[in-house]
């Protein structure tokens, strides 16, 4: 079963599109194989594909690459080549194009889906989807609103030892 949550976001002028957060289950990683590679590091707890013009450009390029490689492989594998390439990279291209238009999709690892810090994960990915690419800028904004002590992260046994949120908010 795939769990999704929608986060309403507000922009400075026009309201930003809602972001749908999908829990990264086996079914989702099987559907989008590049997510499997992105999710290998334990510290990678949230994922999103580029949005806006960058997402549109990368999505079109990835879609063109998918079709081209599928065509080139079709001489030896036949129609199976197109199906294989659509599975390997076509879905990712479609998600990038989707993120660059009306809707937005981001992913959260399954062990983070029930964490009390999930709203911070969602806020972090939403900032990336709204155009902030630099990780330092996103964490600087997070430190303005949250602190290690304020969230009581020091003695919470439910927070994973590798959680990047706790490590980034700690001011040693």
Protein backbone atom coordinates (compact mmCIF):
# COMPACT_ATOMS: atom_id res chain seq x y z
CA UNK A 1 0.00 0.00 0.00
CA UNK A 2 1.33 3.42 -0.94
CA UNK A 3 0.77 6.19 1.59
CA UNK A 4 0.59 9.77 0.37
CA UNK A 5 0.17 13.11 2.09
CA UNK A 6 -0.47 16.49 0.57
CA UNK A 7 1.23 19.58 1.97
CA UNK A 8 -0.35 22.92 1.21
CA UNK A 9 2.30 25.50 0.45
CA UNK A 10 2.02 29.24 0.22
CA UNK A 11 4.22 31.40 -1.96
CA UNK A 12 4.99 35.10 -1.84
CA UNK A 13 2.65 35.98 -4.71
CA UNK A 14 0.57 33.26 -6.23
CA UNK A 15 0.09 30.15 -4.11
CA UNK A 16 2.54 27.38 -4.88
CA UNK A 17 1.13 24.05 -6.05
CA UNK A 18 0.42 21.39 -3.46
CA UNK A 19 3.14 18.83 -2.90
CA UNK A 20 2.12 15.18 -2.70
CA UNK A 21 4.41 13.14 -0.47
CA UNK A 22 4.63 9.44 -1.29
CA UNK A 23 6.12 6.92 1.10
CA UNK A 24 8.99 5.10 -0.57
CA UNK A 25 7.72 1.52 -0.48
CA UNK A 26 8.99 -1.49 -2.43
CA UNK A 27 6.23 -0.98 -4.97
CA UNK A 28 7.26 2.63 -5.56
CA UNK A 29 10.96 1.79 -5.94
CA UNK A 30 10.05 -1.05 -8.28
CA UNK A 31 7.98 1.40 -10.34
CA UNK A 32 10.75 4.01 -10.45
CA UNK A 33 14.16 2.22 -10.37
CA UNK A 34 16.26 5.44 -10.10
CA UNK A 35 14.68 6.00 -6.67
CA UNK A 36 16.28 2.77 -5.52
CA UNK A 37 19.73 4.23 -6.18
CA UNK A 38 18.83 7.55 -4.54
CA UNK A 39 17.57 5.81 -1.43
CA UNK A 40 20.65 3.69 -0.74
CA UNK A 41 22.30 6.13 1.71
CA UNK A 42 20.61 5.97 5.13
CA UNK A 43 20.87 9.74 5.54
CA UNK A 44 18.87 10.35 2.36
CA UNK A 45 15.39 10.51 3.90
CA UNK A 46 13.49 12.67 1.42
CA UNK A 47 13.69 12.89 -2.36
CA UNK A 48 12.27 15.07 -5.08
CA UNK A 49 12.99 15.51 -8.74
CA UNK A 50 13.74 18.97 -10.15
CA UNK A 51 10.83 21.25 -10.91
CA UNK A 52 10.31 24.40 -12.96
CA UNK A 53 12.35 25.06 -16.08
CA UNK A 54 15.18 22.82 -14.90
CA UNK A 55 12.78 19.90 -14.37
CA UNK A 56 11.17 20.48 -17.75
CA UNK A 57 14.54 20.55 -19.52
CA UNK A 58 15.87 17.48 -17.70
CA UNK A 59 12.57 15.62 -18.14
CA UNK A 60 12.50 16.26 -21.89
CA UNK A 61 16.18 15.28 -22.20
CA UNK A 62 15.61 12.08 -20.21
CA UNK A 63 12.51 11.26 -22.23
CA UNK A 64 14.43 11.79 -25.49
CA UNK A 65 17.25 9.59 -24.19
CA UNK A 66 14.73 6.91 -23.19
CA UNK A 67 13.17 6.84 -26.64
CA UNK A 68 16.56 6.97 -28.43
CA UNK A 69 18.11 4.14 -26.43
CA UNK A 70 14.90 2.13 -26.69
CA UNK A 71 14.98 2.57 -30.47
CA UNK A 72 18.66 1.61 -30.70
CA UNK A 73 18.12 -1.48 -28.56
CA UNK A 74 15.00 -2.47 -30.47
CA UNK A 75 17.15 -3.87 -33.30
CA UNK A 76 18.29 -6.66 -30.98
CA UNK A 77 15.57 -6.87 -28.32
CA UNK A 78 12.54 -5.81 -30.33
CA UNK A 79 9.63 -4.07 -28.58
CA UNK A 80 10.93 -5.30 -25.23
CA UNK A 81 13.62 -2.60 -25.47
CA UNK A 82 11.04 0.20 -25.34
CA UNK A 83 9.29 -1.41 -22.38
CA UNK A 84 12.62 -1.85 -20.57
CA UNK A 85 13.69 1.75 -21.15
CA UNK A 86 10.25 3.06 -20.18
CA UNK A 87 10.57 1.17 -16.90
CA UNK A 88 14.18 2.18 -16.21
CA UNK A 89 14.05 5.89 -17.04
CA UNK A 90 10.72 6.79 -18.64
CA UNK A 91 8.82 7.05 -15.35
CA UNK A 92 11.48 9.32 -13.91
CA UNK A 93 11.25 11.57 -16.97
CA UNK A 94 7.47 11.68 -16.57
CA UNK A 95 7.81 12.63 -12.88
CA UNK A 96 10.24 15.42 -13.74
CA UNK A 97 7.83 16.75 -16.35
CA UNK A 98 4.95 16.46 -13.88
CA UNK A 99 6.93 18.36 -11.22
CA UNK A 100 7.66 21.12 -13.74
CA UNK A 101 3.99 21.69 -14.56
CA UNK A 102 1.00 21.75 -12.22
CA UNK A 103 1.61 19.20 -9.50
CA UNK A 104 4.55 18.24 -7.38
CA UNK A 105 5.62 14.85 -6.02
CA UNK A 106 8.27 14.11 -3.40
CA UNK A 107 9.20 10.88 -1.66
CA UNK A 108 9.89 10.01 1.98
CA UNK A 109 11.56 6.81 3.16
CA UNK A 110 9.20 4.38 4.86
CA UNK A 111 10.96 4.50 8.25
CA UNK A 112 10.56 8.29 8.24
CA UNK A 113 6.87 8.24 7.38
CA UNK A 114 5.81 7.95 11.04
CA UNK A 115 8.57 10.14 12.50
CA UNK A 116 7.64 13.28 14.37
CA UNK A 117 10.17 15.14 12.21
CA UNK A 118 8.32 14.30 9.00
CA UNK A 119 6.90 17.85 8.73
CA UNK A 120 10.49 19.13 8.60
CA UNK A 121 11.32 16.61 5.86
CA UNK A 122 8.28 17.77 3.92
CA UNK A 123 9.16 21.42 4.40
CA UNK A 124 12.72 20.73 3.24
CA UNK A 125 11.63 18.99 0.04
CA UNK A 126 8.99 21.64 -0.62
CA UNK A 127 11.68 24.33 -0.52
CA UNK A 128 13.69 22.37 -3.08
CA UNK A 129 10.63 21.95 -5.29
CA UNK A 130 9.90 25.67 -5.03
CA UNK A 131 13.27 26.47 -6.56
CA UNK A 132 15.92 26.50 -3.83
CA UNK A 133 18.66 24.15 -5.03
CA UNK A 134 21.34 24.90 -2.46
CA UNK A 135 21.26 22.61 0.55
CA UNK A 136 22.98 25.22 2.76
CA UNK A 137 20.24 27.78 2.08
CA UNK A 138 17.51 25.27 2.96
CA UNK A 139 19.21 24.37 6.23
CA UNK A 140 19.81 28.04 7.07
CA UNK A 141 16.05 28.61 6.77
CA UNK A 142 15.36 25.55 8.92
CA UNK A 143 17.73 26.81 11.64
CA UNK A 144 15.80 30.10 11.75
CA UNK A 145 12.62 28.23 12.66
CA UNK A 146 13.85 25.16 14.54
CA UNK A 147 16.58 24.26 16.98
CA UNK A 148 18.02 21.01 18.30
CA UNK A 149 17.04 21.93 21.83
CA UNK A 150 13.64 23.34 20.86
CA UNK A 151 12.66 20.06 19.19
CA UNK A 152 14.08 18.02 22.13
CA UNK A 153 16.19 15.88 19.84
CA UNK A 154 18.92 15.14 22.40
CA UNK A 155 17.22 12.46 24.46
CA UNK A 156 14.64 11.14 22.01
CA UNK A 157 15.24 7.41 21.42
CA UNK A 158 12.76 7.43 18.52
CA UNK A 159 15.01 9.67 16.41
CA UNK A 160 17.39 7.57 14.33
CA UNK A 161 21.09 7.96 15.14
CA UNK A 162 21.83 8.78 11.49
CA UNK A 163 19.04 11.36 11.11
CA UNK A 164 20.40 14.31 9.11
CA UNK A 165 17.86 16.69 10.66
CA UNK A 166 19.19 16.18 14.18
CA UNK A 167 22.80 16.45 12.99
CA UNK A 168 22.18 19.61 10.92
CA UNK A 169 20.28 21.39 13.71
CA UNK A 170 22.84 20.58 16.40
CA UNK A 171 25.02 23.58 17.20
CA UNK A 172 28.21 22.15 18.73
